[in-house]
Amino acid sequence: MSRTAIFNRETTETQIRGALSIDGSGRYDVRTGIRFFDHMLELFTRHGGFDLTLKATGDLDVDQHHTVEDVGIVLGESLLKALGDRKGINRAGYFVMPMDETLAVVAVDLSGRPHAVVDLKVKARMVGDLQSELVHDFFDGFAPDCAAPDDVDRQLGDPAEGSLKEALTFATTNACSARPLTPQGRATTQVRAPRAIGWQSLVNAY
């Protein structure tokens, strides 16, 4: 059975519509009006093995905050809805992603007790057309609405900020990966850190 959620969120500031399937193949159609933010969501989808259709219209003439935060809220709510009763998944997952001079670490716990800790040490105000400080707002919206404590950290280096954002995206999507395991409960290819959404394995399963 495909684990899918359809969303349609409208507020005074934003309108966000689309669908998320966590049993997908990495297909995406993402349009938020912020191209680097689109890029991060595309990486999240492709490397997580999800399918995501998302169109967001927001008050970008004012600032980017509402669009970025509301997309985080929508994706958190959709992930929780798509997971259903969560039977047969790993409760917790983590991933460490080195990229250029950056080392990004993300840990996710689907415990039902939401909390986000984000420590990025970002210096640049903008990455492409995305305001850097809004990455915090995205995770602050995402974690409570998928009922998951989320610890996002940059450990090392003084990298290009674009590499930092990409490393965080890779680490987050791998911590929340939907890639299935074999019926024997072993990873299909190589040894990886446990991931929160993969089918039941030997670690941290409900």
N, C-alpha and C. Protein backbone atom coordinates (compact mmCIF):
# COMPACT_ATOMS: atom_id res chain seq x y z
N MET A 1 0.84 -1.19 0.00
CA MET A 1 0.00 0.00 0.00
C MET A 1 0.88 1.24 0.00
N SER A 2 0.58 2.18 -0.91
CA SER A 2 1.35 3.40 -1.00
C SER A 2 1.01 4.32 0.16
N ARG A 3 2.04 4.85 0.81
CA ARG A 3 1.85 5.77 1.92
C ARG A 3 1.91 7.19 1.37
N THR A 4 0.73 7.81 1.22
CA THR A 4 0.61 9.08 0.52
C THR A 4 -0.28 10.03 1.30
N ALA A 5 0.04 11.31 1.23
CA ALA A 5 -0.79 12.35 1.84
C ALA A 5 -0.99 13.47 0.83
N ILE A 6 -2.23 13.92 0.70
CA ILE A 6 -2.57 15.07 -0.14
C ILE A 6 -2.79 16.27 0.77
N PHE A 7 -2.25 17.42 0.40
CA PHE A 7 -2.36 18.59 1.26
C PHE A 7 -2.87 19.80 0.50
N ASN A 8 -3.58 20.64 1.22
CA ASN A 8 -4.12 21.89 0.68
C ASN A 8 -4.27 22.85 1.86
N ARG A 9 -3.26 23.67 2.06
CA ARG A 9 -3.23 24.58 3.22
C ARG A 9 -3.34 26.02 2.73
N GLU A 10 -4.30 26.74 3.26
CA GLU A 10 -4.48 28.14 2.91
C GLU A 10 -4.51 28.98 4.18
N THR A 11 -3.68 30.01 4.20
CA THR A 11 -3.69 30.99 5.29
C THR A 11 -3.78 32.38 4.67
N THR A 12 -3.74 33.38 5.51
CA THR A 12 -3.76 34.75 4.99
C THR A 12 -2.54 35.03 4.12
N GLU A 13 -1.40 34.38 4.47
CA GLU A 13 -0.13 34.68 3.78
C GLU A 13 0.23 33.68 2.68
N THR A 14 -0.23 32.44 2.77
CA THR A 14 0.23 31.41 1.82
C THR A 14 -0.89 30.49 1.38
N GLN A 15 -0.70 29.92 0.22
CA GLN A 15 -1.54 28.83 -0.29
C GLN A 15 -0.59 27.73 -0.77
N ILE A 16 -0.71 26.53 -0.20
CA ILE A 16 0.21 25.43 -0.51
C ILE A 16 -0.60 24.19 -0.84
N ARG A 17 -0.39 23.63 -2.02
CA ARG A 17 -1.13 22.47 -2.47
C ARG A 17 -0.18 21.42 -3.02
N GLY A 18 -0.58 20.15 -2.92
CA GLY A 18 0.22 19.10 -3.52
C GLY A 18 0.02 17.76 -2.86
N ALA A 19 1.00 16.88 -3.02
CA ALA A 19 0.93 15.53 -2.47
C ALA A 19 2.33 15.01 -2.20
N LEU A 20 2.44 14.20 -1.15
CA LEU A 20 3.69 13.55 -0.78
C LEU A 20 3.48 12.05 -0.70
N SER A 21 4.30 11.30 -1.40
CA SER A 21 4.31 9.84 -1.28
C SER A 21 5.67 9.43 -0.76
N ILE A 22 5.71 8.70 0.37
CA ILE A 22 7.00 8.28 0.91
C ILE A 22 7.42 6.91 0.38
N ASP A 23 6.60 6.33 -0.49
CA ASP A 23 6.98 5.11 -1.20
C ASP A 23 7.12 5.44 -2.68
N GLY A 24 7.93 6.44 -2.97
CA GLY A 24 8.05 6.93 -4.33
C GLY A 24 9.35 6.51 -4.99
N SER A 25 9.73 7.28 -5.99
CA SER A 25 10.95 6.98 -6.76
C SER A 25 11.79 8.23 -6.98
N GLY A 26 11.55 9.28 -6.20
CA GLY A 26 12.36 10.48 -6.31
C GLY A 26 11.86 11.48 -7.33
N ARG A 27 10.59 11.38 -7.71
CA ARG A 27 10.03 12.33 -8.68
C ARG A 27 9.50 13.56 -7.96
N TYR A 28 9.62 14.72 -8.60
CA TYR A 28 9.20 15.96 -7.94
C TYR A 28 8.74 16.99 -8.95
N ASP A 29 7.84 17.83 -8.50
CA ASP A 29 7.42 19.05 -9.19
C ASP A 29 7.19 20.07 -8.10
N VAL A 30 8.21 20.91 -7.85
CA VAL A 30 8.21 21.81 -6.71
C VAL A 30 8.34 23.25 -7.19
N ARG A 31 7.41 24.09 -6.75
CA ARG A 31 7.45 25.51 -7.12
C ARG A 31 7.02 26.34 -5.92
N THR A 32 7.99 27.00 -5.28
CA THR A 32 7.70 27.83 -4.12
C THR A 32 7.90 29.32 -4.39
N GLY A 33 8.50 29.66 -5.53
CA GLY A 33 8.86 31.04 -5.80
C GLY A 33 10.23 31.42 -5.27
N ILE A 34 10.88 30.47 -4.58
CA ILE A 34 12.25 30.68 -4.07
C ILE A 34 13.10 29.56 -4.65
N ARG A 35 13.91 29.85 -5.62
CA ARG A 35 14.53 28.79 -6.41
C ARG A 35 15.49 27.92 -5.60
N PHE A 36 16.28 28.49 -4.69
CA PHE A 36 17.19 27.65 -3.91
C PHE A 36 16.42 26.78 -2.93
N PHE A 37 15.32 27.27 -2.42
CA PHE A 37 14.45 26.46 -1.57
C PHE A 37 13.86 25.29 -2.38
N ASP A 38 13.44 25.56 -3.62
CA ASP A 38 13.01 24.48 -4.51
C ASP A 38 14.10 23.42 -4.63
N HIS A 39 15.33 23.89 -4.83
CA HIS A 39 16.47 22.98 -5.01
C HIS A 39 16.64 22.08 -3.78
N MET A 40 16.52 22.64 -2.59
CA MET A 40 16.65 21.84 -1.37
C MET A 40 15.53 20.80 -1.27
N LEU A 41 14.31 21.19 -1.60
CA LEU A 41 13.18 20.26 -1.54
C LEU A 41 13.31 19.17 -2.61
N GLU A 42 13.86 19.53 -3.76
CA GLU A 42 14.10 18.54 -4.81
C GLU A 42 15.13 17.51 -4.36
N LEU A 43 16.21 17.97 -3.72
CA LEU A 43 17.20 17.05 -3.18
C LEU A 43 16.59 16.14 -2.12
N PHE A 44 15.79 16.73 -1.23
CA PHE A 44 15.12 15.96 -0.19
C PHE A 44 14.28 14.84 -0.80
N THR A 45 13.56 15.17 -1.87
CA THR A 45 12.67 14.20 -2.52
C THR A 45 13.45 13.12 -3.25
N ARG A 46 14.42 13.55 -4.07
CA ARG A 46 15.14 12.59 -4.91
C ARG A 46 15.96 11.62 -4.08
N HIS A 47 16.67 12.12 -3.09
CA HIS A 47 17.56 11.24 -2.33
C HIS A 47 16.85 10.50 -1.20
N GLY A 48 15.63 10.90 -0.88
CA GLY A 48 14.84 10.16 0.09
C GLY A 48 13.99 9.08 -0.54
N GLY A 49 13.91 9.06 -1.87
CA GLY A 49 13.05 8.09 -2.53
C GLY A 49 11.58 8.43 -2.38
N PHE A 50 11.26 9.71 -2.17
CA PHE A 50 9.89 10.16 -2.08
C PHE A 50 9.39 10.62 -3.45
N ASP A 51 8.10 10.87 -3.56
CA ASP A 51 7.53 11.63 -4.67
C ASP A 51 6.84 12.85 -4.06
N LEU A 52 7.10 14.03 -4.63
CA LEU A 52 6.55 15.25 -4.07
C LEU A 52 6.07 16.18 -5.18
N THR A 53 4.81 16.57 -5.08
CA THR A 53 4.26 17.66 -5.89
C THR A 53 3.88 18.77 -4.93
N LEU A 54 4.42 19.96 -5.13
CA LEU A 54 4.16 21.05 -4.21
C LEU A 54 4.18 22.38 -4.96
N LYS A 55 3.09 23.12 -4.83
CA LYS A 55 3.04 24.47 -5.38
C LYS A 55 2.67 25.42 -4.25
N ALA A 56 3.53 26.38 -3.97
CA ALA A 56 3.30 27.34 -2.90
C ALA A 56 3.25 28.75 -3.47
N THR A 57 2.24 29.48 -3.07
CA THR A 57 2.12 30.90 -3.40
C THR A 57 2.08 31.66 -2.10
N GLY A 58 3.04 32.55 -1.90
CA GLY A 58 3.12 33.27 -0.63
C GLY A 58 3.37 34.75 -0.81
N ASP A 59 3.41 35.46 0.30
CA ASP A 59 3.61 36.92 0.29
C ASP A 59 5.09 37.25 0.20
N LEU A 60 5.73 36.80 -0.88
CA LEU A 60 7.17 37.02 -1.05
C LEU A 60 7.50 38.49 -1.25
N ASP A 61 6.50 39.30 -1.57
CA ASP A 61 6.75 40.74 -1.67
C ASP A 61 6.99 41.35 -0.29
N VAL A 62 6.56 40.64 0.77
CA VAL A 62 6.82 41.08 2.14
C VAL A 62 8.14 40.48 2.63
N ASP A 63 8.21 39.14 2.72
CA ASP A 63 9.44 38.42 2.97
C ASP A 63 9.19 36.94 2.70
N GLN A 64 10.23 36.12 2.92
CA GLN A 64 10.14 34.70 2.62
C GLN A 64 9.69 33.85 3.80
N HIS A 65 9.57 34.44 4.97
CA HIS A 65 9.37 33.68 6.19
C HIS A 65 8.13 32.80 6.13
N HIS A 66 6.97 33.37 5.79
CA HIS A 66 5.74 32.60 5.82
C HIS A 66 5.78 31.44 4.84
N THR A 67 6.34 31.65 3.66
CA THR A 67 6.40 30.58 2.67
C THR A 67 7.27 29.44 3.16
N VAL A 68 8.46 29.74 3.64
CA VAL A 68 9.39 28.69 4.08
C VAL A 68 8.84 27.94 5.29
N GLU A 69 8.37 28.68 6.30
CA GLU A 69 7.85 28.02 7.50
C GLU A 69 6.61 27.19 7.20
N ASP A 70 5.69 27.72 6.38
CA ASP A 70 4.46 27.01 6.08
C ASP A 70 4.71 25.75 5.25
N VAL A 71 5.69 25.80 4.36
CA VAL A 71 6.06 24.58 3.63
C VAL A 71 6.58 23.54 4.61
N GLY A 72 7.40 23.95 5.59
CA GLY A 72 7.86 23.01 6.62
C GLY A 72 6.70 22.41 7.38
N ILE A 73 5.72 23.23 7.76
CA ILE A 73 4.55 22.73 8.48
C ILE A 73 3.79 21.73 7.63
N VAL A 74 3.56 22.06 6.36
CA VAL A 74 2.81 21.17 5.46
C VAL A 74 3.52 19.84 5.28
N LEU A 75 4.83 19.87 5.07
CA LEU A 75 5.56 18.62 4.87
C LEU A 75 5.59 17.78 6.15
N GLY A 76 5.72 18.43 7.31
CA GLY A 76 5.66 17.70 8.57
C GLY A 76 4.31 17.02 8.76
N GLU A 77 3.21 17.77 8.53
CA GLU A 77 1.87 17.21 8.66
C GLU A 77 1.66 16.07 7.66
N SER A 78 2.15 16.25 6.44
CA SER A 78 1.95 15.24 5.40
C SER A 78 2.73 13.97 5.69
N LEU A 79 3.95 14.13 6.20
CA LEU A 79 4.75 12.96 6.56
C LEU A 79 4.05 12.16 7.65
N LEU A 80 3.54 12.85 8.67
CA LEU A 80 2.83 12.18 9.75
C LEU A 80 1.59 11.45 9.23
N LYS A 81 0.83 12.12 8.37
CA LYS A 81 -0.37 11.51 7.80
C LYS A 81 -0.03 10.29 6.95
N ALA A 82 1.01 10.42 6.12
CA ALA A 82 1.38 9.32 5.23
C ALA A 82 1.87 8.09 6.00
N LEU A 83 2.49 8.30 7.15
CA LEU A 83 3.00 7.19 7.95
C LEU A 83 1.88 6.38 8.58
N GLY A 84 0.70 6.96 8.74
CA GLY A 84 -0.41 6.22 9.31
C GLY A 84 -0.14 5.82 10.75
N ASP A 85 -0.32 4.53 11.06
CA ASP A 85 -0.12 4.07 12.44
C ASP A 85 1.35 3.80 12.78
N ARG A 86 2.24 3.99 11.81
CA ARG A 86 3.70 3.86 11.98
C ARG A 86 4.16 2.43 12.26
N LYS A 87 3.30 1.46 12.15
CA LYS A 87 3.72 0.09 12.41
C LYS A 87 4.75 -0.36 11.38
N GLY A 88 5.78 -1.06 11.85
CA GLY A 88 6.80 -1.62 10.97
C GLY A 88 7.87 -0.64 10.54
N ILE A 89 7.95 0.53 11.19
CA ILE A 89 9.01 1.47 10.84
C ILE A 89 9.99 1.58 11.99
N ASN A 90 11.16 2.11 11.70
CA ASN A 90 12.12 2.44 12.75
C ASN A 90 11.68 3.73 13.43
N ARG A 91 11.75 3.77 14.74
CA ARG A 91 11.38 4.99 15.47
C ARG A 91 12.38 6.10 15.23
N ALA A 92 13.66 5.79 15.19
CA ALA A 92 14.69 6.82 15.13
C ALA A 92 15.65 6.55 13.98
N GLY A 93 16.25 7.62 13.50
CA GLY A 93 17.26 7.50 12.45
C GLY A 93 18.24 8.65 12.53
N TYR A 94 19.40 8.47 11.94
CA TYR A 94 20.39 9.55 11.91
C TYR A 94 21.23 9.41 10.66
N PHE A 95 21.91 10.48 10.28
CA PHE A 95 22.80 10.44 9.13
C PHE A 95 23.87 11.50 9.28
N VAL A 96 25.08 11.17 8.86
CA VAL A 96 26.22 12.09 8.86
C VAL A 96 26.62 12.31 7.41
N MET A 97 26.66 13.58 6.98
CA MET A 97 26.93 13.89 5.58
C MET A 97 28.12 14.83 5.45
N PRO A 98 29.27 14.32 4.95
CA PRO A 98 30.38 15.22 4.62
C PRO A 98 30.21 15.77 3.21
N MET A 99 30.43 17.06 3.03
CA MET A 99 30.36 17.67 1.70
C MET A 99 31.29 18.87 1.67
N ASP A 100 32.32 18.79 0.80
CA ASP A 100 33.33 19.83 0.76
C ASP A 100 33.93 20.01 2.16
N GLU A 101 33.88 21.25 2.71
CA GLU A 101 34.44 21.47 4.05
C GLU A 101 33.40 21.35 5.15
N THR A 102 32.24 20.81 4.82
CA THR A 102 31.13 20.74 5.77
C THR A 102 30.92 19.32 6.27
N LEU A 103 30.54 19.20 7.55
CA LEU A 103 30.06 17.93 8.08
C LEU A 103 28.72 18.20 8.74
N ALA A 104 27.64 17.68 8.13
CA ALA A 104 26.29 17.89 8.65
C ALA A 104 25.80 16.63 9.34
N VAL A 105 25.16 16.80 10.49
CA VAL A 105 24.64 15.68 11.27
C VAL A 105 23.16 15.94 11.55
N VAL A 106 22.31 14.95 11.23
CA VAL A 106 20.88 15.06 11.49
C VAL A 106 20.40 13.80 12.19
N ALA A 107 19.64 13.97 13.26
CA ALA A 107 19.02 12.85 13.97
C ALA A 107 17.53 13.10 14.09
N VAL A 108 16.72 12.06 13.85
CA VAL A 108 15.27 12.17 13.87
C VAL A 108 14.71 11.08 14.77
N ASP A 109 13.74 11.44 15.60
CA ASP A 109 13.08 10.48 16.49
C ASP A 109 11.58 10.66 16.37
N LEU A 110 10.88 9.66 15.78
CA LEU A 110 9.43 9.74 15.61
C LEU A 110 8.73 9.28 16.89
N SER A 111 8.94 10.02 17.94
CA SER A 111 8.47 9.62 19.26
C SER A 111 7.10 10.17 19.60
N GLY A 112 6.63 11.15 18.82
CA GLY A 112 5.39 11.82 19.16
C GLY A 112 5.59 12.96 20.13
N ARG A 113 6.83 13.27 20.48
CA ARG A 113 7.14 14.40 21.36
C ARG A 113 8.00 15.39 20.57
N PRO A 114 7.38 16.29 19.84
CA PRO A 114 8.10 17.13 18.88
C PRO A 114 9.00 18.18 19.52
N HIS A 115 10.15 18.37 18.89
CA HIS A 115 11.11 19.37 19.34
C HIS A 115 12.17 19.49 18.25
N ALA A 116 12.63 20.70 17.99
CA ALA A 116 13.67 20.91 16.99
C ALA A 116 14.86 21.64 17.61
N VAL A 117 16.05 21.11 17.38
CA VAL A 117 17.29 21.78 17.76
C VAL A 117 18.09 21.99 16.48
N VAL A 118 18.33 23.23 16.12
CA VAL A 118 19.01 23.56 14.86
C VAL A 118 20.20 24.44 15.17
N ASP A 119 21.40 23.97 14.86
CA ASP A 119 22.63 24.70 15.12
C ASP A 119 23.46 24.71 13.84
N LEU A 120 23.32 25.77 13.06
CA LEU A 120 23.92 25.80 11.72
C LEU A 120 25.15 26.68 11.63
N LYS A 121 25.28 27.67 12.48
CA LYS A 121 26.42 28.59 12.43
C LYS A 121 26.53 29.25 11.05
N VAL A 122 25.39 29.65 10.52
CA VAL A 122 25.37 30.26 9.19
C VAL A 122 25.87 31.70 9.27
N LYS A 123 26.72 32.07 8.31
CA LYS A 123 27.29 33.41 8.29
C LYS A 123 26.69 34.27 7.18
N ALA A 124 26.50 33.69 6.01
CA ALA A 124 25.99 34.46 4.88
C ALA A 124 24.51 34.77 5.05
N ARG A 125 24.09 35.96 4.66
CA ARG A 125 22.68 36.33 4.77
C ARG A 125 21.83 35.60 3.74
N MET A 126 22.36 35.42 2.54
CA MET A 126 21.61 34.80 1.45
C MET A 126 22.41 33.64 0.86
N VAL A 127 21.70 32.59 0.47
CA VAL A 127 22.28 31.53 -0.35
C VAL A 127 21.43 31.46 -1.61
N GLY A 128 22.00 31.85 -2.74
CA GLY A 128 21.16 32.03 -3.91
C GLY A 128 20.13 33.09 -3.59
N ASP A 129 18.85 32.73 -3.72
CA ASP A 129 17.78 33.69 -3.41
C ASP A 129 17.06 33.33 -2.12
N LEU A 130 17.66 32.45 -1.28
CA LEU A 130 17.05 32.03 -0.02
C LEU A 130 17.72 32.74 1.16
N GLN A 131 16.91 33.33 2.04
CA GLN A 131 17.43 33.93 3.27
C GLN A 131 17.88 32.82 4.21
N SER A 132 19.17 32.84 4.59
CA SER A 132 19.78 31.73 5.31
C SER A 132 19.10 31.43 6.64
N GLU A 133 18.71 32.48 7.38
CA GLU A 133 18.14 32.24 8.70
C GLU A 133 16.82 31.49 8.66
N LEU A 134 16.19 31.42 7.48
CA LEU A 134 14.89 30.77 7.37
C LEU A 134 15.00 29.25 7.36
N VAL A 135 16.20 28.71 7.21
CA VAL A 135 16.37 27.25 7.34
C VAL A 135 15.94 26.82 8.74
N HIS A 136 16.25 27.62 9.75
CA HIS A 136 15.77 27.34 11.11
C HIS A 136 14.25 27.29 11.14
N ASP A 137 13.61 28.26 10.47
CA ASP A 137 12.16 28.32 10.48
C ASP A 137 11.55 27.10 9.81
N PHE A 138 12.19 26.61 8.76
CA PHE A 138 11.69 25.42 8.08
C PHE A 138 11.67 24.22 9.04
N PHE A 139 12.79 23.98 9.73
CA PHE A 139 12.85 22.85 10.64
C PHE A 139 11.96 23.05 11.87
N ASP A 140 11.82 24.30 12.30
CA ASP A 140 10.92 24.59 13.42
C ASP A 140 9.47 24.27 13.04
N GLY A 141 9.12 24.45 11.77
CA GLY A 141 7.79 24.08 11.31
C GLY A 141 7.66 22.60 11.04
N PHE A 142 8.69 22.00 10.49
CA PHE A 142 8.65 20.58 10.09
C PHE A 142 8.57 19.64 11.29
N ALA A 143 9.44 19.84 12.29
CA ALA A 143 9.55 18.87 13.40
C ALA A 143 8.27 18.76 14.23
N PRO A 144 7.66 19.87 14.70
CA PRO A 144 6.45 19.72 15.51
C PRO A 144 5.31 19.07 14.77
N ASP A 145 5.20 19.35 13.47
CA ASP A 145 4.04 18.85 12.74
C ASP A 145 4.19 17.42 12.27
N CYS A 146 5.42 16.87 12.28
CA CYS A 146 5.54 15.43 12.05
C CYS A 146 5.78 14.71 13.38
N ALA A 147 5.59 15.46 14.50
CA ALA A 147 5.68 14.90 15.86
C ALA A 147 7.02 14.20 16.08
N ALA A 148 8.11 14.86 15.67
CA ALA A 148 9.43 14.23 15.75
C ALA A 148 10.46 15.21 16.28
N PRO A 149 11.14 14.87 17.37
CA PRO A 149 12.32 15.65 17.73
C PRO A 149 13.34 15.58 16.60
N ASP A 150 13.93 16.71 16.26
CA ASP A 150 14.81 16.80 15.10
C ASP A 150 16.03 17.61 15.51
N ASP A 151 17.21 16.98 15.44
CA ASP A 151 18.46 17.64 15.82
C ASP A 151 19.30 17.83 14.57
N VAL A 152 19.51 19.08 14.19
CA VAL A 152 20.21 19.43 12.96
C VAL A 152 21.43 20.25 13.32
N ASP A 153 22.61 19.80 12.88
CA ASP A 153 23.83 20.44 13.36
C ASP A 153 24.87 20.43 12.26
N ARG A 154 25.63 21.55 12.16
CA ARG A 154 26.83 21.57 11.34
C ARG A 154 28.02 21.46 12.28
N GLN A 155 28.83 20.46 12.07
CA GLN A 155 29.89 20.16 13.03
C GLN A 155 31.22 20.84 12.71
N LEU A 156 31.59 20.89 11.45
CA LEU A 156 32.95 21.30 11.10
C LEU A 156 32.95 22.27 9.94
N GLY A 157 34.08 23.00 9.81
CA GLY A 157 34.39 23.68 8.57
C GLY A 157 33.83 25.08 8.47
N ASP A 158 34.26 25.79 7.44
CA ASP A 158 33.80 27.13 7.12
C ASP A 158 33.48 27.14 5.63
N PRO A 159 32.42 26.41 5.24
CA PRO A 159 32.20 26.13 3.83
C PRO A 159 31.43 27.22 3.12
N ALA A 160 31.32 27.06 1.81
CA ALA A 160 30.34 27.83 1.08
C ALA A 160 28.97 27.49 1.65
N GLU A 161 28.14 28.51 1.85
CA GLU A 161 26.86 28.27 2.52
C GLU A 161 25.96 27.37 1.69
N GLY A 162 26.09 27.39 0.37
CA GLY A 162 25.30 26.49 -0.47
C GLY A 162 25.62 25.04 -0.18
N SER A 163 26.90 24.73 0.01
CA SER A 163 27.29 23.36 0.35
C SER A 163 26.72 22.95 1.70
N LEU A 164 26.68 23.89 2.64
CA LEU A 164 26.11 23.60 3.95
C LEU A 164 24.64 23.23 3.82
N LYS A 165 23.86 24.02 3.10
CA LYS A 165 22.44 23.74 2.95
C LYS A 165 22.22 22.41 2.25
N GLU A 166 23.03 22.13 1.23
CA GLU A 166 22.88 20.86 0.52
C GLU A 166 23.25 19.69 1.42
N ALA A 167 24.31 19.82 2.21
CA ALA A 167 24.70 18.75 3.12
C ALA A 167 23.61 18.48 4.15
N LEU A 168 22.98 19.54 4.67
CA LEU A 168 21.88 19.37 5.62
C LEU A 168 20.70 18.67 4.96
N THR A 169 20.42 19.02 3.71
CA THR A 169 19.31 18.38 3.00
C THR A 169 19.59 16.90 2.80
N PHE A 170 20.80 16.55 2.34
CA PHE A 170 21.17 15.15 2.19
C PHE A 170 21.04 14.40 3.50
N ALA A 171 21.56 14.99 4.58
CA ALA A 171 21.55 14.31 5.88
C ALA A 171 20.12 14.12 6.38
N THR A 172 19.27 15.14 6.22
CA THR A 172 17.90 15.03 6.68
C THR A 172 17.13 13.98 5.92
N THR A 173 17.24 13.97 4.61
CA THR A 173 16.47 13.02 3.81
C THR A 173 16.95 11.59 4.06
N ASN A 174 18.24 11.40 4.34
CA ASN A 174 18.73 10.06 4.63
C ASN A 174 18.34 9.61 6.04
N ALA A 175 18.26 10.54 6.97
CA ALA A 175 17.77 10.18 8.30
C ALA A 175 16.30 9.78 8.26
N CYS A 176 15.55 10.36 7.31
CA CYS A 176 14.12 10.08 7.15
C CYS A 176 13.85 9.23 5.91
N SER A 177 14.77 8.38 5.52
CA SER A 177 14.65 7.70 4.24
C SER A 177 13.52 6.69 4.22
N ALA A 178 12.84 6.60 3.09
CA ALA A 178 11.78 5.61 2.90
C ALA A 178 12.26 4.39 2.14
N ARG A 179 13.55 4.26 1.90
CA ARG A 179 14.03 3.09 1.16
C ARG A 179 13.74 1.81 1.93
N PRO A 180 13.15 0.81 1.30
CA PRO A 180 12.77 -0.40 2.02
C PRO A 180 13.97 -1.30 2.28
N LEU A 181 13.81 -2.19 3.25
CA LEU A 181 14.78 -3.23 3.52
C LEU A 181 14.28 -4.54 2.92
N THR A 182 15.17 -5.50 2.82
CA THR A 182 14.78 -6.81 2.31
C THR A 182 13.88 -7.50 3.32
N PRO A 183 13.15 -8.55 2.91
CA PRO A 183 12.29 -9.28 3.85
C PRO A 183 13.06 -9.84 5.04
N GLN A 184 14.36 -10.06 4.88
CA GLN A 184 15.17 -10.59 5.97
C GLN A 184 15.55 -9.50 6.97
N GLY A 185 15.16 -8.23 6.67
CA GLY A 185 15.46 -7.14 7.60
C GLY A 185 16.85 -6.59 7.44
N ARG A 186 17.51 -6.87 6.31
CA ARG A 186 18.85 -6.33 6.07
C ARG A 186 18.78 -5.30 4.97
N ALA A 187 19.67 -4.32 5.02
CA ALA A 187 19.72 -3.32 3.98
C ALA A 187 19.99 -3.98 2.63
N THR A 188 19.41 -3.41 1.57
CA THR A 188 19.49 -4.05 0.26
C THR A 188 20.88 -3.95 -0.35
N THR A 189 21.66 -2.93 -0.01
CA THR A 189 22.96 -2.77 -0.66
C THR A 189 24.07 -2.64 0.37
N GLN A 190 24.30 -1.44 0.84
CA GLN A 190 25.44 -1.21 1.72
C GLN A 190 24.97 -0.90 3.13
N VAL A 191 25.90 -0.98 4.07
CA VAL A 191 25.58 -0.69 5.47
C VAL A 191 25.35 0.81 5.61
N ARG A 192 24.25 1.19 6.26
CA ARG A 192 23.92 2.59 6.45
C ARG A 192 23.48 2.83 7.88
N ALA A 193 23.51 4.11 8.27
CA ALA A 193 22.94 4.46 9.57
C ALA A 193 21.46 4.16 9.55
N PRO A 194 20.85 3.82 10.70
CA PRO A 194 19.42 3.57 10.74
C PRO A 194 18.63 4.79 10.33
N ARG A 195 17.50 4.55 9.64
CA ARG A 195 16.68 5.62 9.14
C ARG A 195 15.28 5.47 9.68
N ALA A 196 14.65 6.59 9.95
CA ALA A 196 13.42 6.54 10.73
C ALA A 196 12.26 5.90 10.00
N ILE A 197 12.15 6.04 8.69
CA ILE A 197 10.94 5.63 8.01
C ILE A 197 11.09 4.31 7.27
N GLY A 198 12.29 3.78 7.15
CA GLY A 198 12.47 2.51 6.46
C GLY A 198 11.71 1.38 7.12
N TRP A 199 11.41 0.33 6.37
CA TRP A 199 10.70 -0.80 6.95
C TRP A 199 11.49 -1.42 8.09
N GLN A 200 10.81 -2.18 8.92
CA GLN A 200 11.37 -2.68 10.18
C GLN A 200 12.71 -3.38 9.98
N SER A 201 13.69 -3.01 10.80
CA SER A 201 15.00 -3.65 10.75
C SER A 201 15.40 -4.02 12.17
N LEU A 202 16.69 -4.18 12.40
CA LEU A 202 17.14 -4.68 13.70
C LEU A 202 17.33 -3.59 14.74
N VAL A 203 17.19 -2.32 14.36
CA VAL A 203 17.48 -1.26 15.32
C VAL A 203 16.27 -0.36 15.53
N ASN A 204 15.97 -0.09 16.78
CA ASN A 204 15.00 0.93 17.15
C ASN A 204 13.61 0.73 16.56
N ALA A 205 13.24 -0.50 16.22
CA ALA A 205 11.91 -0.70 15.64
C ALA A 205 10.84 -0.64 16.70
N TYR A 206 9.67 -0.17 16.32
CA TYR A 206 8.54 -0.18 17.25
C TYR A 206 8.20 -1.61 17.62
